[in-house]
Amino acid sequence: MSVLVRIGNRKAIFRTGVWLCSDPGTETLLNQATESWILSTGGPPLNHPDPEHAAAHEVIRQVGGAITAHIPAAKRRMSKYFFSRRQMRFDF
C-alpha cells in the first residue's frame, strides 16, 4: 500500500511507484532516483513478495534516509506495475 520514509527532517510517502513529499526538491530527487534505479537494474525481482518495499528500501539506501512505516501492498498489482516500468525504452 505505501512506505513512509524520513530523509533528514523531511518525510515522504512511496505509493504505487510514485514518491510524494511536501518538499518538491526531495520529491523530485526520490522519483528520479527510483526511475534511474529501475532503468539500471530492472527494479525489484519479479518474484519479490513486496516489490514496493524493495524499491523504496533501495532508493532510500542510495539517497540516505530511513523507512519509518510500511503497509504491504497487493503483491500481484505491484508486480504488474513494476514489470511494466522495467521495459526498455528506445530513442527512435
Protein backbone atom coordinates (compact mmCIF):
# COMPACT_ATOMS: atom_id res chain seq x y z
CA MET A 1 0.00 0.00 0.00
CA SER A 2 2.65 2.55 0.97
CA VAL A 3 6.02 3.18 2.56
CA LEU A 4 6.72 6.18 4.79
CA VAL A 5 10.32 7.38 4.91
CA ARG A 6 12.34 10.09 6.60
CA ILE A 7 15.17 11.95 4.88
CA GLY A 8 16.72 14.42 7.27
CA ASN A 9 13.78 16.34 8.69
CA ARG A 10 11.51 15.64 5.69
CA LYS A 11 9.05 12.80 5.29
CA ALA A 12 7.90 11.22 2.04
CA ILE A 13 5.44 8.52 1.02
CA PHE A 14 6.07 5.92 -1.69
CA ARG A 15 2.76 4.70 -3.05
CA THR A 16 2.03 2.88 -6.33
CA GLY A 17 5.56 3.59 -7.52
CA VAL A 18 5.49 7.35 -7.02
CA TRP A 19 7.03 9.44 -4.26
CA LEU A 20 5.01 12.22 -2.60
CA CYS A 21 6.62 14.82 -0.37
CA SER A 22 5.76 18.34 0.78
CA ASP A 23 9.23 19.45 -0.39
CA PRO A 24 9.30 19.50 -4.22
CA GLY A 25 13.08 19.08 -4.36
CA THR A 26 13.03 15.95 -2.22
CA GLU A 27 10.09 14.55 -4.18
CA THR A 28 11.91 15.10 -7.48
CA LEU A 29 15.12 13.58 -6.11
CA LEU A 30 13.31 10.45 -4.94
CA ASN A 31 11.32 9.98 -8.16
CA GLN A 32 14.44 10.45 -10.30
CA ALA A 33 16.43 8.04 -8.12
CA THR A 34 13.64 5.46 -8.43
CA GLU A 35 13.44 5.80 -12.20
CA SER A 36 17.23 5.61 -12.51
CA TRP A 37 17.38 2.52 -10.30
CA ILE A 38 14.64 0.76 -12.29
CA LEU A 39 16.32 1.58 -15.61
CA SER A 40 19.75 0.41 -14.45
CA THR A 41 18.75 -2.75 -12.56
CA GLY A 42 15.29 -3.66 -13.81
CA GLY A 43 13.72 -2.87 -10.44
CA PRO A 44 12.72 -5.36 -7.78
CA PRO A 45 12.89 -9.08 -8.63
CA LEU A 46 9.75 -10.38 -10.33
CA ASN A 47 9.15 -12.92 -7.55
CA HIS A 48 9.72 -10.49 -4.66
CA PRO A 49 6.93 -10.77 -2.04
CA ASP A 50 6.71 -6.95 -1.63
CA PRO A 51 8.20 -5.13 -4.64
CA GLU A 52 7.10 -1.69 -3.42
CA HIS A 53 9.04 -2.08 -0.18
CA ALA A 54 12.08 -3.42 -2.05
CA ALA A 55 12.09 -0.41 -4.37
CA ALA A 56 11.68 2.08 -1.52
CA HIS A 57 14.40 0.35 0.51
CA GLU A 58 16.92 0.54 -2.32
CA VAL A 59 16.18 4.18 -3.16
CA ILE A 60 16.36 5.26 0.48
CA ARG A 61 19.65 3.38 0.84
CA GLN A 62 21.02 5.37 -2.11
CA VAL A 63 19.87 8.82 -1.03
CA GLY A 64 20.32 8.34 2.70
CA GLY A 65 17.30 8.08 4.94
CA ALA A 66 15.22 5.60 6.87
CA ILE A 67 11.96 3.72 6.41
CA THR A 68 9.69 4.61 9.32
CA ALA A 69 6.50 2.72 8.42
CA HIS A 70 5.31 0.22 5.84
CA ILE A 71 1.92 -1.13 4.87
CA PRO A 72 2.25 -4.03 2.38
CA ALA A 73 0.52 -3.70 -0.98
CA ALA A 74 -1.20 -6.38 -3.00
CA LYS A 75 1.73 -8.29 -4.50
CA ARG A 76 0.10 -9.02 -7.82
CA ARG A 77 -0.86 -5.42 -8.53
CA MET A 78 2.58 -4.02 -7.64
CA SER A 79 4.39 -6.78 -9.55
CA LYS A 80 2.46 -5.83 -12.68
CA TYR A 81 3.24 -2.17 -12.11
CA PHE A 82 7.00 -2.69 -11.77
CA PHE A 83 7.02 -5.17 -14.64
CA SER A 84 5.60 -2.51 -16.96
CA ARG A 85 8.22 0.01 -15.80
CA ARG A 86 11.13 -2.32 -16.44
CA GLN A 87 10.50 -2.45 -20.19
CA MET A 88 13.33 -0.98 -22.28
CA ARG A 89 12.89 2.37 -23.98
CA PHE A 90 14.43 3.25 -27.32
CA ASP A 91 15.07 6.74 -28.71
CA PHE A 92 13.79 6.49 -32.27
